């Protein structure tokens, strides 16, 4: 037994010696854990798992978890940048052209033409004289500035123009293309009723879309259209105000009078430009009348009613032209009478050109009475060969 115990003891000593020799070799030649993985393992050993996880059974999901998209790790997108307003361009003026303007000032849009009818656009303040009720206003209270224009395009969609609405659409688009970036346009059609198709906009696309909504009607509520445009389209803006209307001017007599419409236009300080199709209608009526009256006596008697209607129509056109001339002169505008609808685009181009070369004269009236009375005004150019055009007056404010 003693010999067996000695053999066992010797075997244990041999194993201990082998262990001492092998362990250092493993530490030298075996894989070495990185410091980061060691730290991770250390933290994992220090943090015990939740107690509930020990009691839960591991289950395998029937559907695999989706692979996260590449941009999910970028976080929430940054907020949209707030656009900075563009600085307003400063207007270049020369000394002496602009003076201070008070809240009681009057603005007169003035068109100047030379002896040949060409627009004059290089004048300054001292080239004008302004009279109110025949009293000259001091030049120190007058300014010369360019201001945007608010233009209402109005079209008579009664039977007299219904066949040529495409010509008007092209003319309206050409007119808008010639205006400045700050100018605004609205679109009104009138026949049996007055309808606002497009409120104020600077967008040429919105105007084009509104033009497609023009449909023809029957009667002509011309006076009502002018009255509503003057009272409802213009607020307290400091812009120049213009109405450009395509019509023959023959009202159906179903609404207000032209006198009421003119008063509203003067109160709103609106300039009216009329593109009249009276010459076009007159040429057609004269041709029809000539055809009917060239026949025999029997045929003339047979067509007497139609002949009488044509003659009455020609008289109505003459009266309408006189009325339209008075309307445009009173408001400082102009009457255009093209000989064909194919000339509408050129005519509307002339109106746009005039608006671009129009002066805005400001002055403070010497008459401080706030009685709501009408004040007649007159603008003269110091050059006697120049012809000035502006509205006949304005209504004073009333306390």
Protein backbone atom coordinates (compact mmCIF):
# COMPACT_ATOMS: atom_id res chain seq x y z
CA UNK A 1 0.00 0.00 0.00
CA UNK A 2 2.83 2.35 0.82
CA UNK A 3 4.37 1.65 -2.58
CA UNK A 4 1.02 2.38 -4.29
CA UNK A 5 0.66 5.67 -2.47
CA UNK A 6 4.14 6.67 -3.52
CA UNK A 7 3.32 5.98 -7.16
CA UNK A 8 0.12 8.07 -6.94
CA UNK A 9 1.97 10.95 -5.31
CA UNK A 10 4.60 10.86 -8.05
CA UNK A 11 1.88 11.00 -10.74
CA UNK A 12 0.29 14.04 -9.15
CA UNK A 13 3.65 15.81 -9.04
CA UNK A 14 4.17 15.05 -12.75
CA UNK A 15 0.78 16.54 -13.65
CA UNK A 16 1.56 19.67 -11.68
CA UNK A 17 4.84 20.12 -13.49
CA UNK A 18 3.19 19.70 -16.89
CA UNK A 19 0.55 22.31 -15.98
CA UNK A 20 3.21 24.80 -14.95
CA UNK A 21 4.97 24.31 -18.28
CA UNK A 22 1.90 24.40 -20.60
CA UNK A 23 -0.04 27.44 -19.24
CA UNK A 24 2.69 30.02 -20.02
CA UNK A 25 2.95 28.62 -23.54
CA UNK A 26 -0.78 29.09 -24.10
CA UNK A 27 -0.60 32.69 -22.95
CA UNK A 28 2.18 33.37 -25.43
CA UNK A 29 0.90 31.60 -28.56
CA UNK A 30 -2.90 31.63 -28.05
CA UNK A 31 -5.34 34.43 -29.27
CA UNK A 32 -5.36 37.60 -27.20
CA UNK A 33 -8.63 39.38 -26.42
CA UNK A 34 -8.73 43.11 -27.21
CA UNK A 35 -9.06 45.56 -24.40
CA UNK A 36 -12.43 46.73 -25.70
CA UNK A 37 -13.86 43.21 -25.76
CA UNK A 38 -12.51 42.63 -22.31
CA UNK A 39 -14.17 45.70 -21.04
CA UNK A 40 -17.38 44.63 -22.72
CA UNK A 41 -17.24 41.21 -21.16
CA UNK A 42 -16.46 42.78 -17.81
CA UNK A 43 -19.47 45.05 -18.04
CA UNK A 44 -21.61 42.11 -19.13
CA UNK A 45 -20.51 40.15 -16.08
CA UNK A 46 -21.14 43.05 -13.76
CA UNK A 47 -24.68 43.76 -15.11
CA UNK A 48 -27.05 40.94 -14.17
CA UNK A 49 -29.84 40.08 -16.57
CA UNK A 50 -33.36 41.13 -15.68
CA UNK A 51 -35.12 38.76 -13.43
CA UNK A 52 -38.01 38.38 -15.81
CA UNK A 53 -35.73 37.14 -18.61
CA UNK A 54 -34.71 34.14 -16.55
CA UNK A 55 -38.29 32.95 -16.44
CA UNK A 56 -39.22 33.68 -20.09
CA UNK A 57 -38.88 31.02 -22.76
CA UNK A 58 -37.02 31.82 -25.94
CA UNK A 59 -39.34 31.84 -28.97
CA UNK A 60 -38.51 32.07 -32.64
CA UNK A 61 -40.62 34.52 -34.70
CA UNK A 62 -42.34 33.15 -37.78
CA UNK A 63 -41.45 36.25 -39.82
CA UNK A 64 -37.93 37.63 -39.84
CA UNK A 65 -37.41 41.19 -38.56
CA UNK A 66 -37.09 43.73 -41.44
CA UNK A 67 -33.69 45.02 -42.35
CA UNK A 68 -33.44 48.69 -41.32
CA UNK A 69 -33.20 51.18 -44.20
CA UNK A 70 -29.90 52.92 -44.74
CA UNK A 71 -31.25 56.40 -43.96
CA UNK A 72 -32.96 55.46 -40.68
CA UNK A 73 -29.75 56.01 -38.84
CA UNK A 74 -29.55 59.63 -40.00
CA UNK A 75 -32.18 60.81 -37.55
CA UNK A 76 -34.98 63.29 -38.18
CA UNK A 77 -34.57 65.59 -41.20
CA UNK A 78 -33.59 69.18 -40.44
CA UNK A 79 -36.35 71.81 -40.52
CA UNK A 80 -37.04 73.49 -43.86
CA UNK A 81 -35.13 76.76 -44.21
CA UNK A 82 -37.16 79.92 -43.88
CA UNK A 83 -36.80 81.99 -47.07
CA UNK A 84 -35.43 85.43 -46.52
CA UNK A 85 -37.38 88.24 -48.14
CA UNK A 86 -35.63 89.75 -51.09
CA UNK A 87 -34.54 93.33 -50.54
CA UNK A 88 -36.64 95.83 -52.38
CA UNK A 89 -34.84 97.54 -55.19
CA UNK A 90 -34.35 101.20 -54.54
CA UNK A 91 -35.75 103.46 -57.22
CA UNK A 92 -33.32 105.81 -58.87
CA UNK A 93 -34.44 109.41 -58.76
CA UNK A 94 -32.79 112.68 -59.52
CA UNK A 95 -32.65 115.55 -57.00
CA UNK A 96 -35.70 117.78 -57.10
CA UNK A 97 -38.01 115.19 -58.63
CA UNK A 98 -39.53 113.89 -55.39
CA UNK A 99 -40.68 115.74 -52.32
CA UNK A 100 -42.50 114.65 -49.18
CA UNK A 101 -46.12 113.63 -49.57
CA UNK A 102 -48.75 114.15 -46.91
CA UNK A 103 -51.75 111.95 -46.20
CA UNK A 104 -54.12 114.49 -47.81
CA UNK A 105 -52.35 114.31 -51.17
CA UNK A 106 -54.06 113.81 -54.51
CA UNK A 107 -52.59 111.48 -57.11
CA UNK A 108 -53.18 112.21 -60.80
CA UNK A 109 -52.12 109.71 -63.47
CA UNK A 110 -51.00 111.80 -66.44
CA UNK A 111 -50.22 110.80 -70.02
CA UNK A 112 -48.14 113.16 -72.14
CA UNK A 113 -47.94 113.06 -75.96
CA UNK A 114 -46.09 115.24 -78.42
CA UNK A 115 -47.56 116.91 -81.51
CA UNK A 116 -47.23 113.64 -83.46
CA UNK A 117 -49.13 111.65 -80.80
CA UNK A 118 -46.04 109.86 -79.49
CA UNK A 119 -45.67 109.23 -75.76
CA UNK A 120 -43.25 111.51 -73.89
CA UNK A 121 -41.46 109.83 -71.01
CA UNK A 122 -38.46 111.97 -69.98
CA UNK A 123 -40.17 114.79 -68.07
CA UNK A 124 -39.47 115.92 -64.51
CA UNK A 125 -41.47 117.73 -61.87
CA UNK A 126 -40.82 121.24 -63.14
CA UNK A 127 -42.26 120.31 -66.55
CA UNK A 128 -45.81 120.28 -65.12
CA UNK A 129 -48.31 122.77 -63.74
CA UNK A 130 -51.34 121.57 -61.79
CA UNK A 131 -54.54 123.57 -61.32
CA UNK A 132 -57.42 122.77 -59.01
CA UNK A 133 -60.61 124.76 -59.59
CA UNK A 134 -58.46 127.12 -61.70
CA UNK A 135 -56.06 127.74 -58.79
CA UNK A 136 -52.49 126.67 -59.45
CA UNK A 137 -51.09 124.39 -56.81
CA UNK A 138 -47.60 125.13 -55.43
CA UNK A 139 -44.92 123.15 -57.15
CA UNK A 140 -43.28 122.32 -53.85
CA UNK A 141 -46.28 120.12 -53.08
CA UNK A 142 -46.01 118.07 -56.26
CA UNK A 143 -44.03 114.89 -56.85
CA UNK A 144 -43.25 112.78 -59.88
CA UNK A 145 -42.97 109.04 -59.24
CA UNK A 146 -43.59 105.71 -60.89
CA UNK A 147 -46.11 103.49 -59.11
CA UNK A 148 -47.63 100.07 -59.94
CA UNK A 149 -50.94 99.80 -61.75
CA UNK A 150 -54.00 97.70 -60.87
CA UNK A 151 -55.74 96.95 -64.17
CA UNK A 152 -59.20 95.41 -64.49
CA UNK A 153 -59.72 93.63 -67.80
CA UNK A 154 -63.42 93.69 -68.65
CA UNK A 155 -65.01 91.96 -71.61
CA UNK A 156 -68.50 92.34 -73.03
CA UNK A 157 -69.64 88.75 -73.67
CA UNK A 158 -72.99 89.69 -75.16
CA UNK A 159 -73.94 88.74 -78.70
CA UNK A 160 -71.91 91.61 -80.23
CA UNK A 161 -68.56 90.03 -79.28
CA UNK A 162 -69.44 86.39 -78.65
CA UNK A 163 -67.94 85.16 -81.93
CA UNK A 164 -64.59 86.80 -81.30
CA UNK A 165 -63.74 85.84 -77.74
CA UNK A 166 -60.61 83.98 -78.89
CA UNK A 167 -59.27 87.27 -80.27
CA UNK A 168 -59.89 88.90 -76.90
CA UNK A 169 -58.13 86.07 -75.06
CA UNK A 170 -55.01 86.49 -77.17
CA UNK A 171 -55.13 90.26 -76.74
CA UNK A 172 -55.53 89.96 -72.96
CA UNK A 173 -52.55 87.61 -72.70
CA UNK A 174 -50.44 89.97 -74.80
CA UNK A 175 -51.51 92.91 -72.62
CA UNK A 176 -50.50 91.09 -69.43
CA UNK A 177 -47.11 90.18 -70.88
CA UNK A 178 -46.30 93.88 -71.36
CA UNK A 179 -47.03 94.92 -67.78
CA UNK A 180 -44.45 95.26 -65.01
CA UNK A 181 -43.72 92.63 -62.38
CA UNK A 182 -45.49 94.63 -59.64
CA UNK A 183 -48.64 95.33 -61.68
CA UNK A 184 -51.80 93.35 -60.92
CA UNK A 185 -54.68 92.19 -63.11
CA UNK A 186 -58.25 91.10 -62.45
CA UNK A 187 -60.77 89.79 -65.00
CA UNK A 188 -64.50 90.60 -65.21
CA UNK A 189 -67.04 89.51 -67.82
CA UNK A 190 -70.48 91.02 -68.22
CA UNK A 191 -73.58 90.20 -70.22
CA UNK A 192 -76.85 89.32 -68.45
CA UNK A 193 -74.87 89.54 -65.19
CA UNK A 194 -71.51 90.79 -63.98
CA UNK A 195 -69.06 88.07 -62.95
CA UNK A 196 -65.57 88.30 -61.44
CA UNK A 197 -63.57 85.51 -63.09
CA UNK A 198 -60.20 86.32 -61.52
CA UNK A 199 -59.43 88.51 -58.55
CA UNK A 200 -56.19 90.46 -58.31
CA UNK A 201 -53.17 88.47 -59.38
CA UNK A 202 -49.67 88.96 -60.72
CA UNK A 203 -49.66 85.43 -62.12
CA UNK A 204 -49.98 85.26 -65.88
CA UNK A 205 -50.86 81.56 -65.57
CA UNK A 206 -53.87 82.33 -63.36
CA UNK A 207 -55.05 84.92 -65.88
CA UNK A 208 -54.76 82.44 -68.75
CA UNK A 209 -56.77 79.89 -66.80
CA UNK A 210 -59.47 82.48 -66.02
CA UNK A 211 -59.71 83.47 -69.68
CA UNK A 212 -60.81 79.93 -70.54
CA UNK A 213 -63.90 80.39 -68.33
CA UNK A 214 -65.35 83.15 -70.51
CA UNK A 215 -68.64 82.07 -72.08
CA UNK A 216 -71.02 84.23 -74.16
CA UNK A 217 -74.32 85.65 -72.95
CA UNK A 218 -77.06 87.84 -74.36
CA UNK A 219 -77.66 91.31 -72.91
CA UNK A 220 -75.13 94.01 -71.95
CA UNK A 221 -75.00 95.34 -68.38
CA UNK A 222 -72.19 97.75 -69.18
CA UNK A 223 -73.03 100.41 -66.60
CA UNK A 224 -73.42 97.87 -63.81
CA UNK A 225 -70.05 96.35 -64.66
CA UNK A 226 -68.31 99.74 -64.40
CA UNK A 227 -70.06 100.55 -61.14
CA UNK A 228 -69.22 97.24 -59.48
CA UNK A 229 -65.59 97.36 -60.64
CA UNK A 230 -65.16 100.87 -59.21
CA UNK A 231 -66.77 100.09 -55.86
CA UNK A 232 -65.60 96.55 -55.19
CA UNK A 233 -62.26 96.02 -56.90
CA UNK A 234 -60.28 98.91 -55.47
CA UNK A 235 -59.53 99.28 -51.78
CA UNK A 236 -57.08 101.66 -50.11
CA UNK A 237 -54.05 100.84 -52.25
CA UNK A 238 -51.84 103.67 -53.52
CA UNK A 239 -51.55 102.18 -57.00
CA UNK A 240 -52.69 103.66 -60.28
CA UNK A 241 -56.09 102.28 -61.20
CA UNK A 242 -57.27 101.41 -64.68
CA UNK A 243 -60.16 99.62 -66.36
CA UNK A 244 -59.63 98.29 -69.88
CA UNK A 245 -62.94 97.18 -71.39
CA UNK A 246 -63.86 95.61 -74.71
CA UNK A 247 -67.44 96.61 -75.60
CA UNK A 248 -69.69 98.52 -77.96
CA UNK A 249 -70.95 100.45 -74.94
CA UNK A 250 -74.65 99.87 -75.64
CA UNK A 251 -76.22 99.14 -72.27
CA UNK A 252 -79.39 97.05 -72.00
CA UNK A 253 -80.99 99.58 -69.65
CA UNK A 254 -81.65 96.97 -66.97
CA UNK A 255 -79.50 98.47 -64.21
CA UNK A 256 -77.80 101.66 -63.10
CA UNK A 257 -77.16 104.73 -65.23
CA UNK A 258 -73.90 105.78 -66.82
CA UNK A 259 -73.87 108.90 -64.62
CA UNK A 260 -73.82 106.75 -61.48
CA UNK A 261 -71.08 104.59 -62.93
CA UNK A 262 -68.98 107.63 -63.86
CA UNK A 263 -69.33 109.11 -60.38
CA UNK A 264 -68.17 105.82 -58.83
CA UNK A 265 -65.19 105.72 -61.18
CA UNK A 266 -64.16 109.27 -60.27
CA UNK A 267 -64.60 108.55 -56.57
CA UNK A 268 -62.35 105.51 -56.90
CA UNK A 269 -59.88 107.48 -59.09
CA UNK A 270 -60.08 104.95 -61.94
CA UNK A 271 -58.93 105.63 -65.50
CA UNK A 272 -61.04 103.94 -68.19
CA UNK A 273 -59.71 102.71 -71.50
CA UNK A 274 -62.32 101.48 -73.96
CA UNK A 275 -61.52 99.17 -76.85
CA UNK A 276 -64.71 99.71 -78.81
CA UNK A 277 -65.99 97.35 -81.49
CA UNK A 278 -68.37 100.02 -82.81
CA UNK A 279 -66.41 100.40 -86.06
CA UNK A 280 -66.54 96.65 -86.59
CA UNK A 281 -70.30 96.54 -85.94
CA UNK A 282 -70.88 99.63 -88.07
CA UNK A 283 -69.11 98.11 -91.07
CA UNK A 284 -71.19 94.95 -90.79
CA UNK A 285 -74.47 96.83 -90.45
CA UNK A 286 -73.67 99.11 -93.38
CA UNK A 287 -72.89 96.10 -95.56
CA UNK A 288 -76.17 94.44 -94.60
CA UNK A 289 -78.11 97.66 -95.15
CA UNK A 290 -76.56 98.18 -98.58
CA UNK A 291 -77.46 94.65 -99.58
CA UNK A 292 -81.10 95.09 -98.54
CA UNK A 293 -81.62 98.53 -100.09
CA UNK A 294 -80.11 97.71 -103.49
CA UNK A 295 -83.03 95.48 -104.42
CA UNK A 296 -86.34 96.33 -106.00
CA UNK A 297 -89.05 98.39 -104.36
CA UNK A 298 -90.91 95.20 -103.59
CA UNK A 299 -87.90 93.68 -101.81
CA UNK A 300 -87.30 96.87 -99.82
CA UNK A 301 -90.91 96.88 -98.67
CA UNK A 302 -90.61 93.20 -97.76
CA UNK A 303 -87.42 93.85 -95.70
CA UNK A 304 -88.61 97.15 -94.23
CA UNK A 305 -88.52 95.94 -90.61
CA UNK A 306 -84.97 94.64 -90.97
CA UNK A 307 -83.87 97.82 -92.72
CA UNK A 308 -85.34 99.95 -89.95
CA UNK A 309 -83.60 97.82 -87.31
CA UNK A 310 -80.26 98.29 -89.05
CA UNK A 311 -80.70 102.06 -89.23
CA UNK A 312 -81.66 102.22 -85.57
CA UNK A 313 -78.63 100.10 -84.77
CA UNK A 314 -76.36 102.52 -86.60
CA UNK A 315 -77.83 105.44 -84.65
CA UNK A 316 -77.25 103.53 -81.41
CA UNK A 317 -73.61 102.97 -82.37
CA UNK A 318 -73.14 106.69 -83.05
CA UNK A 319 -74.61 107.59 -79.66
CA UNK A 320 -72.54 104.91 -77.97
CA UNK A 321 -69.30 106.25 -79.44
CA UNK A 322 -70.10 109.74 -78.18
CA UNK A 323 -70.85 108.39 -74.73
CA UNK A 324 -67.67 106.27 -74.65
CA UNK A 325 -65.58 109.26 -75.75
CA UNK A 326 -67.00 111.35 -72.89
CA UNK A 327 -66.43 108.52 -70.40
CA UNK A 328 -62.78 108.01 -71.31
CA UNK A 329 -62.07 111.75 -71.46
CA UNK A 330 -63.61 112.36 -68.03
CA UNK A 331 -61.53 109.61 -66.40
CA UNK A 332 -58.31 110.46 -68.24
CA UNK A 333 -58.34 107.36 -70.45
CA UNK A 334 -58.64 106.84 -74.17
CA UNK A 335 -61.09 105.43 -76.71
CA UNK A 336 -59.74 102.94 -79.24
CA UNK A 337 -61.78 101.93 -82.30
CA UNK A 338 -60.06 99.08 -84.15
CA UNK A 339 -61.44 98.15 -87.57
CA UNK A 340 -61.23 94.40 -86.99
CA UNK A 341 -61.00 91.89 -84.17
CA UNK A 342 -57.67 90.77 -85.59
CA UNK A 343 -56.31 94.17 -84.47
CA UNK A 344 -57.21 93.66 -80.81
CA UNK A 345 -53.77 92.41 -79.83
CA UNK A 346 -52.08 95.50 -81.25
CA UNK A 347 -54.65 97.77 -79.60
CA UNK A 348 -54.20 96.23 -76.16
CA UNK A 349 -50.47 96.55 -76.69
CA UNK A 350 -50.93 100.31 -77.14
CA UNK A 351 -52.85 100.51 -73.87
CA UNK A 352 -50.10 98.64 -72.03
CA UNK A 353 -47.48 100.92 -73.56
CA UNK A 354 -49.35 104.00 -72.35
CA UNK A 355 -49.64 102.65 -68.82
CA UNK A 356 -45.90 101.97 -68.77
CA UNK A 357 -45.14 105.59 -69.74
CA UNK A 358 -47.73 107.24 -67.52
CA UNK A 359 -46.75 109.76 -64.85
CA UNK A 360 -48.14 109.83 -61.34
CA UNK A 361 -48.33 113.41 -60.07
CA UNK A 362 -48.88 114.05 -56.37
CA UNK A 363 -49.83 117.32 -54.77
CA UNK A 364 -51.39 118.56 -51.54
CA UNK A 365 -54.47 120.72 -52.28
CA UNK A 366 -54.54 124.25 -50.95
CA UNK A 367 -58.27 123.85 -50.39
CA UNK A 368 -58.43 122.03 -47.05
CA UNK A 369 -62.23 121.92 -46.88
CA UNK A 370 -63.45 118.36 -46.28
CA UNK A 371 -66.96 118.74 -47.63
CA UNK A 372 -67.06 115.88 -50.15
CA UNK A 373 -67.39 118.33 -53.01
CA UNK A 374 -66.06 117.82 -56.51
CA UNK A 375 -62.76 119.49 -57.36
CA UNK A 376 -61.92 120.08 -61.01
CA UNK A 377 -58.27 119.59 -61.90
CA UNK A 378 -56.16 120.42 -64.93
CA UNK A 379 -52.57 119.53 -65.74
CA UNK A 380 -50.50 121.50 -68.21
CA UNK A 381 -47.03 120.90 -69.58
CA UNK A 382 -44.63 123.82 -69.67
CA UNK A 383 -43.84 122.81 -73.25
CA UNK A 384 -46.88 124.05 -75.22
CA UNK A 385 -46.41 121.40 -77.92
CA UNK A 386 -47.09 118.62 -75.39
CA UNK A 387 -50.65 117.46 -74.73
CA UNK A 388 -51.46 116.17 -71.27
CA UNK A 389 -54.29 113.82 -70.40
CA UNK A 390 -55.71 113.11 -66.93
CA UNK A 391 -59.11 112.83 -65.23
CA UNK A 392 -61.30 115.89 -64.88
CA UNK A 393 -61.23 115.92 -61.09
CA UNK A 394 -61.83 114.14 -57.83
CA UNK A 395 -64.20 114.15 -54.87
CA UNK A 396 -62.76 115.70 -51.73
CA UNK A 397 -62.89 113.68 -48.49
CA UNK A 398 -65.84 114.33 -46.23
CA UNK A 399 -65.61 114.66 -42.47
